[in-house]
Amino acid sequence: MQLPPSVTERAFARLAEIGAADQGQALRVAVEGGGCSGFQYDIRLDNPAEDDLVLEGNGQKVVVDAISLPFLTGAVIDFAEEIIGARFVIDNPNAASSCGCGTSFSI
């Protein structure tokens, strides 16, 4: 059985801060071909689609499309604040390697 991705309370809290649900939007996490390691994450606010996996918490939603879902099995979607900035991050157990920027990975 494959575990769906999960979302931390910190990520849901950040979505609440920026008012995503108030705008009728969710955080979309998708995987696309490209980047320096073969695949890259596309993380943006978007409207949920009918066939999306919807992860809900704190009145907020994170959505993953059916094509990206196998690449995100067991992944943890989080929000990190660092000296260089704040961003949504993904801890993906399927990634064999990733680049320094954290948005590109290989399987």
C-alpha atoms as a PDB file:
ATOM      1  CA  MET A   1       0.000   0.000   0.000  1.00  0.00           C
ATOM      2  CA  GLN A   2       1.378   3.383  -0.995  1.00  0.00           C
ATOM      3  CA  LEU A   3       1.193   6.235   1.482  1.00  0.00           C
ATOM      4  CA  PRO A   4      -0.226   9.491   0.161  1.00  0.00           C
ATOM      5  CA  PRO A   5       1.782  12.650   0.739  1.00  0.00           C
ATOM      6  CA  SER A   6       1.214  14.447   4.032  1.00  0.00           C
ATOM      7  CA  VAL A   7       1.201  18.114   4.994  1.00  0.00           C
ATOM      8  CA  THR A   8       2.621  19.580   8.204  1.00  0.00           C
ATOM      9  CA  GLU A   9       0.667  21.889  10.483  1.00  0.00           C
ATOM     10  CA  ARG A  10       3.273  24.575   9.737  1.00  0.00           C
ATOM     11  CA  ALA A  11       2.438  24.420   6.006  1.00  0.00           C
ATOM     12  CA  PHE A  12      -1.309  24.623   6.664  1.00  0.00           C
ATOM     13  CA  ALA A  13      -0.690  27.544   9.060  1.00  0.00           C
ATOM     14  CA  ARG A  14       1.248  29.434   6.370  1.00  0.00           C
ATOM     15  CA  LEU A  15      -1.581  28.888   3.879  1.00  0.00           C
ATOM     16  CA  ALA A  16      -3.994  30.312   6.450  1.00  0.00           C
ATOM     17  CA  GLU A  17      -1.697  33.346   6.928  1.00  0.00           C
ATOM     18  CA  ILE A  18      -1.737  34.156   3.235  1.00  0.00           C
ATOM     19  CA  GLY A  19      -5.498  33.555   3.008  1.00  0.00           C
ATOM     20  CA  ALA A  20      -5.436  30.857   0.332  1.00  0.00           C
ATOM     21  CA  ALA A  21      -8.835  29.378   1.252  1.00  0.00           C
ATOM     22  CA  ASP A  22     -10.344  32.871   1.514  1.00  0.00           C
ATOM     23  CA  GLN A  23      -9.469  33.266  -2.179  1.00  0.00           C
ATOM     24  CA  GLY A  24     -10.944  29.829  -2.998  1.00  0.00           C
ATOM     25  CA  GLN A  25      -7.498  28.467  -3.750  1.00  0.00           C
ATOM     26  CA  ALA A  26      -5.303  25.609  -2.611  1.00  0.00           C
ATOM     27  CA  LEU A  27      -1.570  24.977  -2.664  1.00  0.00           C
ATOM     28  CA  ARG A  28      -0.882  22.842  -5.732  1.00  0.00           C
ATOM     29  CA  VAL A  29       2.149  20.560  -5.543  1.00  0.00           C
ATOM     30  CA  ALA A  30       3.020  19.017  -8.900  1.00  0.00           C
ATOM     31  CA  VAL A  31       5.994  17.206 -10.412  1.00  0.00           C
ATOM     32  CA  GLU A  32       7.166  18.133 -13.898  1.00  0.00           C
ATOM     33  CA  GLY A  33       9.987  17.003 -16.136  1.00  0.00           C
ATOM     34  CA  GLY A  34      12.948  19.386 -16.160  1.00  0.00           C
ATOM     35  CA  GLY A  35      15.320  21.036 -13.761  1.00  0.00           C
ATOM     36  CA  CYS A  36      18.953  20.146 -13.341  1.00  0.00           C
ATOM     37  CA  SER A  37      18.187  16.691 -11.882  1.00  0.00           C
ATOM     38  CA  GLY A  38      15.427  15.427 -14.204  1.00  0.00           C
ATOM     39  CA  PHE A  39      12.250  16.400 -12.317  1.00  0.00           C
ATOM     40  CA  GLN A  40      11.191  19.610 -10.634  1.00  0.00           C
ATOM     41  CA  TYR A  41       8.431  20.690  -8.278  1.00  0.00           C
ATOM     42  CA  ASP A  42       5.793  23.175  -9.324  1.00  0.00           C
ATOM     43  CA  ILE A  43       4.384  24.713  -6.125  1.00  0.00           C
ATOM     44  CA  ARG A  44       1.772  27.439  -6.525  1.00  0.00           C
ATOM     45  CA  LEU A  45      -1.662  28.608  -5.493  1.00  0.00           C
ATOM     46  CA  ASP A  46      -4.303  27.191  -7.817  1.00  0.00           C
ATOM     47  CA  ASN A  47      -7.920  26.151  -8.031  1.00  0.00           C
ATOM     48  CA  PRO A  48      -8.536  22.487  -7.136  1.00  0.00           C
ATOM     49  CA  ALA A  49      -9.455  20.236 -10.071  1.00  0.00           C
ATOM     50  CA  GLU A  50     -11.995  17.429  -9.963  1.00  0.00           C
ATOM     51  CA  ASP A  51      -9.442  14.582 -10.093  1.00  0.00           C
ATOM     52  CA  ASP A  52      -6.959  16.061  -7.566  1.00  0.00           C
ATOM     53  CA  LEU A  53      -6.042  14.387  -4.299  1.00  0.00           C
ATOM     54  CA  VAL A  54      -7.109  16.944  -1.693  1.00  0.00           C
ATOM     55  CA  LEU A  55      -5.296  17.104   1.666  1.00  0.00           C
ATOM     56  CA  GLU A  56      -7.107  19.312   4.181  1.00  0.00           C
ATOM     57  CA  GLY A  57      -6.135  20.867   7.487  1.00  0.00           C
ATOM     58  CA  ASN A  58      -6.697  24.093   9.376  1.00  0.00           C
ATOM     59  CA  GLY A  59      -9.412  25.063   6.876  1.00  0.00           C
ATOM     60  CA  GLN A  60      -6.810  24.960   4.078  1.00  0.00           C
ATOM     61  CA  LYS A  61      -6.216  22.619   1.131  1.00  0.00           C
ATOM     62  CA  VAL A  62      -3.177  21.165  -0.599  1.00  0.00           C
ATOM     63  CA  VAL A  63      -3.860  19.419  -3.915  1.00  0.00           C
ATOM     64  CA  VAL A  64      -1.855  16.921  -5.968  1.00  0.00           C
ATOM     65  CA  ASP A  65      -2.799  15.883  -9.512  1.00  0.00           C
ATOM     66  CA  ALA A  66      -3.050  12.203 -10.467  1.00  0.00           C
ATOM     67  CA  ILE A  67       0.074  12.276 -12.665  1.00  0.00           C
ATOM     68  CA  SER A  68       2.262  13.742  -9.887  1.00  0.00           C
ATOM     69  CA  LEU A  69       0.909  11.506  -7.130  1.00  0.00           C
ATOM     70  CA  PRO A  70       3.190   8.465  -7.740  1.00  0.00           C
ATOM     71  CA  PHE A  71       6.262  10.730  -7.502  1.00  0.00           C
ATOM     72  CA  LEU A  72       5.061  12.112  -4.149  1.00  0.00           C
ATOM     73  CA  THR A  73       4.186   8.850  -2.389  1.00  0.00           C
ATOM     74  CA  GLY A  74       5.090   9.235   1.281  1.00  0.00           C
ATOM     75  CA  ALA A  75       6.409  12.787   0.805  1.00  0.00           C
ATOM     76  CA  VAL A  76       5.999  15.465   3.483  1.00  0.00           C
ATOM     77  CA  ILE A  77       5.018  18.963   2.397  1.00  0.00           C
ATOM     78  CA  ASP A  78       6.271  21.579   4.862  1.00  0.00           C
ATOM     79  CA  PHE A  79       6.979  25.300   5.159  1.00  0.00           C
ATOM     80  CA  ALA A  80      10.464  26.452   6.132  1.00  0.00           C
ATOM     81  CA  GLU A  81      11.731  29.867   7.184  1.00  0.00           C
ATOM     82  CA  GLU A  82      15.480  30.206   6.752  1.00  0.00           C
ATOM     83  CA  ILE A  83      17.969  33.037   6.589  1.00  0.00           C
ATOM     84  CA  ILE A  84      17.800  32.976   2.779  1.00  0.00           C
ATOM     85  CA  GLY A  85      14.006  33.161   2.739  1.00  0.00           C
ATOM     86  CA  ALA A  86      10.789  31.292   3.416  1.00  0.00           C
ATOM     87  CA  ARG A  87       9.275  28.676   1.125  1.00  0.00           C
ATOM     88  CA  PHE A  88       7.273  25.490   0.912  1.00  0.00           C
ATOM     89  CA  VAL A  89       9.585  22.466   0.895  1.00  0.00           C
ATOM     90  CA  ILE A  90       9.105  18.788   0.137  1.00  0.00           C
ATOM     91  CA  ASP A  91      10.819  15.928   1.917  1.00  0.00           C
ATOM     92  CA  ASN A  92      10.456  13.234  -0.726  1.00  0.00           C
ATOM     93  CA  PRO A  93      11.605   9.675   0.093  1.00  0.00           C
ATOM     94  CA  ASN A  94      11.373   8.798  -3.629  1.00  0.00           C
ATOM     95  CA  ALA A  95      14.093  11.273  -4.611  1.00  0.00           C
ATOM     96  CA  ALA A  96      17.425   9.512  -5.109  1.00  0.00           C
ATOM     97  CA  SER A  97      19.183  12.862  -5.310  1.00  0.00           C
ATOM     98  CA  SER A  98      18.297  16.522  -5.447  1.00  0.00           C
ATOM     99  CA  CYS A  99      20.004  19.739  -6.434  1.00  0.00           C
ATOM    100  CA  GLY A 100      21.126  22.440  -4.052  1.00  0.00           C
ATOM    101  CA  CYS A 101      18.053  24.607  -4.634  1.00  0.00           C
ATOM    102  CA  GLY A 102      15.726  21.817  -3.451  1.00  0.00           C
ATOM    103  CA  THR A 103      13.296  22.189  -6.367  1.00  0.00           C
ATOM    104  CA  SER A 104      14.848  19.614  -8.692  1.00  0.00           C
ATOM    105  CA  PHE A 105      15.342  15.894  -8.045  1.00  0.00           C
ATOM    106  CA  SER A 106      15.931  12.515  -9.668  1.00  0.00           C
ATOM    107  CA  ILE A 107      14.404   9.122  -8.984  1.00  0.00           C
END
